[in-house]
Amino acid sequence: MSARIELLNYGSSLNKNSGTTTFNGNVIVCGDFTSSNSASIIGTGSISIVGATVINSTSTIFGSSTGSTDSTYGPGGALPIELLSFDANQCSETEINWETLTELNNDFFTL
């Protein structure tokens, strides 16, 4: 089993405006997320938003049309691990360090 995590760090907001986007991995958005003008996000993954979520018009995020603060959307479940520590730093490159406490049926991580 592999786990794919994408970290999107936006200072103020990420706007998805019309069309369909497919997420088949786990996505974390650090910042506000606005979905408008009939935009939809589908797939087998999940999107976790650390910030405000605004869903306008006929937009949906994994079928949900309700926004809130610090939310997770989608069928993608939690990773089969318990983290002891997780740290990410960005200078010219992004460095991610973590230590797991437990892992269940997990061979490796794909970032």
N, C-alpha and C. Protein backbone atom coordinates (compact mmCIF):
# COMPACT_ATOMS: atom_id res chain seq x y z
N MET A 1 0.84 -1.17 0.00
CA MET A 1 0.00 0.00 0.00
C MET A 1 0.88 1.23 0.00
N SER A 2 0.57 2.21 -0.81
CA SER A 2 1.31 3.46 -0.80
C SER A 2 0.37 4.61 -0.49
N ALA A 3 0.91 5.65 0.04
CA ALA A 3 0.13 6.83 0.37
C ALA A 3 0.72 8.02 -0.36
N ARG A 4 -0.10 8.78 -1.01
CA ARG A 4 0.38 9.96 -1.72
C ARG A 4 -0.20 11.18 -1.03
N ILE A 5 0.69 12.09 -0.67
CA ILE A 5 0.27 13.33 -0.02
C ILE A 5 0.78 14.49 -0.85
N GLU A 6 -0.09 15.40 -1.19
CA GLU A 6 0.31 16.62 -1.86
C GLU A 6 0.03 17.77 -0.91
N LEU A 7 1.03 18.60 -0.70
CA LEU A 7 0.87 19.76 0.16
C LEU A 7 0.81 21.01 -0.70
N LEU A 8 -0.29 21.71 -0.64
CA LEU A 8 -0.44 22.96 -1.39
C LEU A 8 -0.47 24.09 -0.37
N ASN A 9 0.48 24.97 -0.46
CA ASN A 9 0.56 26.06 0.50
C ASN A 9 0.28 27.37 -0.22
N TYR A 10 -0.85 27.95 0.07
CA TYR A 10 -1.25 29.20 -0.55
C TYR A 10 -1.41 30.24 0.55
N GLY A 11 -0.77 31.38 0.39
CA GLY A 11 -0.80 32.42 1.40
C GLY A 11 -2.20 32.92 1.70
N SER A 12 -3.03 33.10 0.69
CA SER A 12 -4.36 33.63 0.96
C SER A 12 -5.46 32.71 0.48
N SER A 13 -5.42 32.32 -0.80
CA SER A 13 -6.52 31.47 -1.26
C SER A 13 -6.16 30.72 -2.52
N LEU A 14 -6.87 29.64 -2.73
CA LEU A 14 -6.79 28.85 -3.95
C LEU A 14 -8.19 28.87 -4.53
N ASN A 15 -8.35 29.33 -5.74
CA ASN A 15 -9.67 29.43 -6.35
C ASN A 15 -9.80 28.43 -7.47
N LYS A 16 -10.83 27.60 -7.40
CA LYS A 16 -11.15 26.65 -8.46
C LYS A 16 -12.40 27.19 -9.12
N ASN A 17 -12.30 27.57 -10.39
CA ASN A 17 -13.37 28.27 -11.08
C ASN A 17 -13.81 27.47 -12.31
N SER A 18 -14.94 26.82 -12.25
CA SER A 18 -15.59 26.02 -13.28
C SER A 18 -14.76 24.81 -13.71
N GLY A 19 -15.42 23.84 -14.33
CA GLY A 19 -14.75 22.63 -14.78
C GLY A 19 -14.68 21.59 -13.68
N THR A 20 -14.10 20.45 -14.02
CA THR A 20 -13.99 19.34 -13.08
C THR A 20 -12.52 19.02 -12.85
N THR A 21 -12.14 18.83 -11.59
CA THR A 21 -10.79 18.43 -11.21
C THR A 21 -10.89 17.11 -10.48
N THR A 22 -9.99 16.17 -10.81
CA THR A 22 -9.99 14.86 -10.17
C THR A 22 -8.80 14.75 -9.22
N PHE A 23 -9.08 14.41 -7.96
CA PHE A 23 -8.05 14.15 -6.96
C PHE A 23 -8.12 12.67 -6.61
N ASN A 24 -7.06 11.92 -6.91
CA ASN A 24 -7.01 10.52 -6.52
C ASN A 24 -5.96 10.28 -5.45
N GLY A 25 -5.47 11.33 -4.87
CA GLY A 25 -4.53 11.26 -3.76
C GLY A 25 -5.07 12.13 -2.64
N ASN A 26 -4.31 12.23 -1.58
CA ASN A 26 -4.70 13.08 -0.46
C ASN A 26 -4.05 14.44 -0.62
N VAL A 27 -4.84 15.49 -0.60
CA VAL A 27 -4.36 16.85 -0.81
C VAL A 27 -4.63 17.66 0.45
N ILE A 28 -3.63 18.41 0.87
CA ILE A 28 -3.79 19.32 2.01
C ILE A 28 -3.58 20.73 1.50
N VAL A 29 -4.56 21.59 1.69
CA VAL A 29 -4.47 22.99 1.29
C VAL A 29 -4.28 23.82 2.55
N CYS A 30 -3.16 24.52 2.64
CA CYS A 30 -2.91 25.42 3.77
C CYS A 30 -3.30 26.82 3.33
N GLY A 31 -4.46 27.25 3.70
CA GLY A 31 -4.99 28.54 3.27
C GLY A 31 -6.46 28.38 2.92
N ASP A 32 -7.09 29.45 2.53
CA ASP A 32 -8.50 29.42 2.19
C ASP A 32 -8.72 28.82 0.81
N PHE A 33 -9.87 28.19 0.61
CA PHE A 33 -10.20 27.53 -0.65
C PHE A 33 -11.59 27.99 -1.08
N THR A 34 -11.70 28.51 -2.30
CA THR A 34 -12.98 28.94 -2.85
C THR A 34 -13.26 28.17 -4.13
N SER A 35 -14.43 27.57 -4.20
CA SER A 35 -14.85 26.85 -5.39
C SER A 35 -16.12 27.54 -5.91
N SER A 36 -16.11 27.97 -7.17
CA SER A 36 -17.25 28.74 -7.66
C SER A 36 -17.54 28.43 -9.12
N ASN A 37 -18.66 28.96 -9.60
CA ASN A 37 -19.07 28.86 -11.01
C ASN A 37 -19.11 27.44 -11.52
N SER A 38 -19.86 26.58 -10.85
CA SER A 38 -20.09 25.19 -11.27
C SER A 38 -18.82 24.34 -11.30
N ALA A 39 -17.85 24.64 -10.47
CA ALA A 39 -16.64 23.82 -10.37
C ALA A 39 -16.97 22.57 -9.56
N SER A 40 -16.32 21.46 -9.91
CA SER A 40 -16.52 20.26 -9.11
C SER A 40 -15.19 19.54 -8.95
N ILE A 41 -15.01 18.95 -7.77
CA ILE A 41 -13.84 18.14 -7.47
C ILE A 41 -14.37 16.74 -7.20
N ILE A 42 -13.80 15.76 -7.93
CA ILE A 42 -14.22 14.37 -7.80
C ILE A 42 -12.98 13.51 -7.65
N GLY A 43 -13.17 12.21 -7.45
CA GLY A 43 -12.06 11.28 -7.40
C GLY A 43 -12.15 10.33 -6.23
N THR A 44 -11.06 9.62 -6.00
CA THR A 44 -11.01 8.64 -4.92
C THR A 44 -10.21 9.13 -3.73
N GLY A 45 -9.68 10.34 -3.82
CA GLY A 45 -8.82 10.88 -2.76
C GLY A 45 -9.59 11.73 -1.77
N SER A 46 -8.88 12.65 -1.18
CA SER A 46 -9.50 13.57 -0.23
C SER A 46 -8.78 14.90 -0.31
N ILE A 47 -9.44 15.93 0.15
CA ILE A 47 -8.84 17.26 0.25
C ILE A 47 -9.11 17.78 1.65
N SER A 48 -8.05 18.11 2.36
CA SER A 48 -8.15 18.70 3.70
C SER A 48 -7.76 20.16 3.58
N ILE A 49 -8.61 21.03 4.06
CA ILE A 49 -8.40 22.47 3.93
C ILE A 49 -8.20 23.06 5.32
N VAL A 50 -7.02 23.62 5.55
CA VAL A 50 -6.71 24.28 6.81
C VAL A 50 -6.93 25.76 6.56
N GLY A 51 -8.13 26.19 6.78
CA GLY A 51 -8.56 27.55 6.46
C GLY A 51 -10.04 27.51 6.15
N ALA A 52 -10.55 28.57 5.63
CA ALA A 52 -11.98 28.66 5.30
C ALA A 52 -12.26 28.03 3.94
N THR A 53 -13.38 27.32 3.84
CA THR A 53 -13.83 26.75 2.58
C THR A 53 -15.12 27.44 2.19
N VAL A 54 -15.14 28.01 0.98
CA VAL A 54 -16.34 28.65 0.45
C VAL A 54 -16.72 27.93 -0.83
N ILE A 55 -17.95 27.43 -0.88
CA ILE A 55 -18.44 26.73 -2.07
C ILE A 55 -19.62 27.53 -2.60
N ASN A 56 -19.42 28.17 -3.75
CA ASN A 56 -20.44 29.05 -4.33
C ASN A 56 -21.18 28.38 -5.48
N SER A 57 -22.31 28.99 -5.84
CA SER A 57 -23.06 28.63 -7.03
C SER A 57 -23.45 27.16 -6.99
N THR A 58 -23.25 26.44 -8.07
CA THR A 58 -23.58 25.01 -8.13
C THR A 58 -22.32 24.16 -8.03
N SER A 59 -21.33 24.65 -7.35
CA SER A 59 -20.06 23.94 -7.18
C SER A 59 -20.20 22.84 -6.13
N THR A 60 -19.34 21.82 -6.24
CA THR A 60 -19.30 20.75 -5.24
C THR A 60 -17.86 20.29 -5.03
N ILE A 61 -17.57 19.84 -3.83
CA ILE A 61 -16.30 19.21 -3.49
C ILE A 61 -16.65 17.81 -3.03
N PHE A 62 -16.34 16.80 -3.85
CA PHE A 62 -16.70 15.42 -3.57
C PHE A 62 -18.19 15.31 -3.20
N GLY A 63 -19.03 16.02 -3.93
CA GLY A 63 -20.48 15.95 -3.74
C GLY A 63 -21.03 16.90 -2.70
N SER A 64 -20.18 17.54 -1.91
CA SER A 64 -20.65 18.45 -0.87
C SER A 64 -20.74 19.87 -1.40
N SER A 65 -21.81 20.55 -1.03
CA SER A 65 -21.96 21.95 -1.41
C SER A 65 -21.94 22.85 -0.19
N THR A 66 -21.44 22.33 0.94
CA THR A 66 -21.40 23.08 2.19
C THR A 66 -19.95 23.39 2.57
N GLY A 67 -19.65 24.65 2.74
CA GLY A 67 -18.31 25.06 3.16
C GLY A 67 -18.23 25.24 4.66
N SER A 68 -17.02 25.19 5.20
CA SER A 68 -16.80 25.43 6.62
C SER A 68 -15.33 25.76 6.83
N THR A 69 -14.87 25.71 8.05
CA THR A 69 -13.48 26.00 8.37
C THR A 69 -12.78 24.73 8.83
N ASP A 70 -11.54 24.53 8.37
CA ASP A 70 -10.72 23.36 8.73
C ASP A 70 -11.49 22.07 8.49
N SER A 71 -11.71 21.73 7.21
CA SER A 71 -12.56 20.61 6.83
C SER A 71 -11.82 19.61 5.95
N THR A 72 -12.33 18.39 5.91
CA THR A 72 -11.84 17.36 5.00
C THR A 72 -13.01 16.85 4.18
N TYR A 73 -12.79 16.72 2.88
CA TYR A 73 -13.80 16.24 1.95
C TYR A 73 -13.27 15.04 1.20
N GLY A 74 -14.13 14.13 0.80
CA GLY A 74 -13.76 13.04 -0.09
C GLY A 74 -13.77 11.68 0.55
N PRO A 75 -13.78 10.65 -0.32
CA PRO A 75 -13.82 9.27 0.16
C PRO A 75 -12.48 8.73 0.63
N GLY A 76 -11.39 9.41 0.30
CA GLY A 76 -10.05 8.95 0.70
C GLY A 76 -9.95 8.92 2.21
N GLY A 77 -9.58 7.77 2.74
CA GLY A 77 -9.52 7.63 4.19
C GLY A 77 -8.20 8.11 4.75
N ALA A 78 -8.11 7.99 6.04
CA ALA A 78 -6.88 8.38 6.73
C ALA A 78 -5.75 7.44 6.36
N LEU A 79 -4.55 7.93 6.43
CA LEU A 79 -3.38 7.09 6.17
C LEU A 79 -3.28 6.03 7.26
N PRO A 80 -2.79 4.82 6.92
CA PRO A 80 -2.72 3.73 7.90
C PRO A 80 -1.48 3.85 8.80
N ILE A 81 -1.26 5.06 9.30
CA ILE A 81 -0.09 5.31 10.14
C ILE A 81 -0.48 6.23 11.29
N GLU A 82 0.32 6.20 12.34
CA GLU A 82 0.25 7.19 13.40
C GLU A 82 1.56 7.96 13.36
N LEU A 83 1.47 9.27 13.23
CA LEU A 83 2.68 10.08 13.18
C LEU A 83 3.14 10.45 14.58
N LEU A 84 4.42 10.32 14.81
CA LEU A 84 5.02 10.79 16.05
C LEU A 84 5.44 12.24 15.87
N SER A 85 5.97 12.56 14.66
CA SER A 85 6.33 13.94 14.35
C SER A 85 6.24 14.16 12.85
N PHE A 86 6.00 15.39 12.44
CA PHE A 86 5.93 15.78 11.03
C PHE A 86 6.37 17.23 10.94
N ASP A 87 7.33 17.52 10.05
CA ASP A 87 7.84 18.87 9.91
C ASP A 87 8.17 19.12 8.45
N ALA A 88 7.76 20.27 7.93
CA ALA A 88 8.08 20.65 6.54
C ALA A 88 8.63 22.06 6.53
N ASN A 89 9.72 22.25 5.81
CA ASN A 89 10.35 23.56 5.67
C ASN A 89 10.59 23.85 4.20
N GLN A 90 10.39 25.10 3.82
CA GLN A 90 10.61 25.46 2.43
C GLN A 90 11.57 26.64 2.35
N CYS A 91 12.67 26.44 1.68
CA CYS A 91 13.61 27.52 1.34
C CYS A 91 13.68 27.51 -0.17
N SER A 92 14.79 27.14 -0.75
CA SER A 92 14.85 26.98 -2.21
C SER A 92 14.23 25.65 -2.61
N GLU A 93 14.22 24.68 -1.70
CA GLU A 93 13.59 23.39 -1.89
C GLU A 93 12.74 23.09 -0.67
N THR A 94 11.81 22.16 -0.80
CA THR A 94 10.98 21.76 0.34
C THR A 94 11.58 20.52 0.97
N GLU A 95 11.76 20.57 2.28
CA GLU A 95 12.27 19.42 3.03
C GLU A 95 11.17 18.96 3.98
N ILE A 96 10.84 17.67 3.90
CA ILE A 96 9.79 17.10 4.74
C ILE A 96 10.41 15.99 5.57
N ASN A 97 10.23 16.06 6.89
CA ASN A 97 10.73 15.04 7.80
C ASN A 97 9.58 14.53 8.66
N TRP A 98 9.52 13.21 8.85
CA TRP A 98 8.50 12.66 9.72
C TRP A 98 9.02 11.40 10.39
N GLU A 99 8.36 11.05 11.48
CA GLU A 99 8.67 9.82 12.19
C GLU A 99 7.34 9.18 12.55
N THR A 100 7.21 7.90 12.21
CA THR A 100 5.96 7.21 12.50
C THR A 100 6.06 6.47 13.81
N LEU A 101 4.93 6.39 14.50
CA LEU A 101 4.83 5.62 15.73
C LEU A 101 4.39 4.20 15.39
N THR A 102 3.37 4.10 14.49
CA THR A 102 2.89 2.80 14.02
C THR A 102 2.57 2.89 12.54
N GLU A 103 2.64 1.76 11.85
CA GLU A 103 2.25 1.65 10.44
C GLU A 103 1.49 0.34 10.27
N LEU A 104 0.39 0.38 9.52
CA LEU A 104 -0.42 -0.80 9.27
C LEU A 104 -0.48 -1.06 7.77
N ASN A 105 0.05 -2.19 7.33
CA ASN A 105 0.04 -2.56 5.92
C ASN A 105 0.63 -1.46 5.04
N ASN A 106 1.73 -0.91 5.42
CA ASN A 106 2.35 0.18 4.67
C ASN A 106 3.80 -0.17 4.37
N ASP A 107 4.17 -0.14 3.08
CA ASP A 107 5.53 -0.46 2.66
C ASP A 107 6.40 0.78 2.49
N PHE A 108 5.81 1.86 1.95
CA PHE A 108 6.59 3.05 1.63
C PHE A 108 5.66 4.24 1.45
N PHE A 109 6.25 5.42 1.31
CA PHE A 109 5.52 6.66 1.08
C PHE A 109 5.93 7.22 -0.27
N THR A 110 4.98 7.71 -1.02
CA THR A 110 5.25 8.43 -2.26
C THR A 110 4.81 9.85 -2.07
N LEU A 111 5.74 10.78 -2.17
CA LEU A 111 5.40 12.19 -1.99
C LEU A 111 5.54 12.90 -3.32
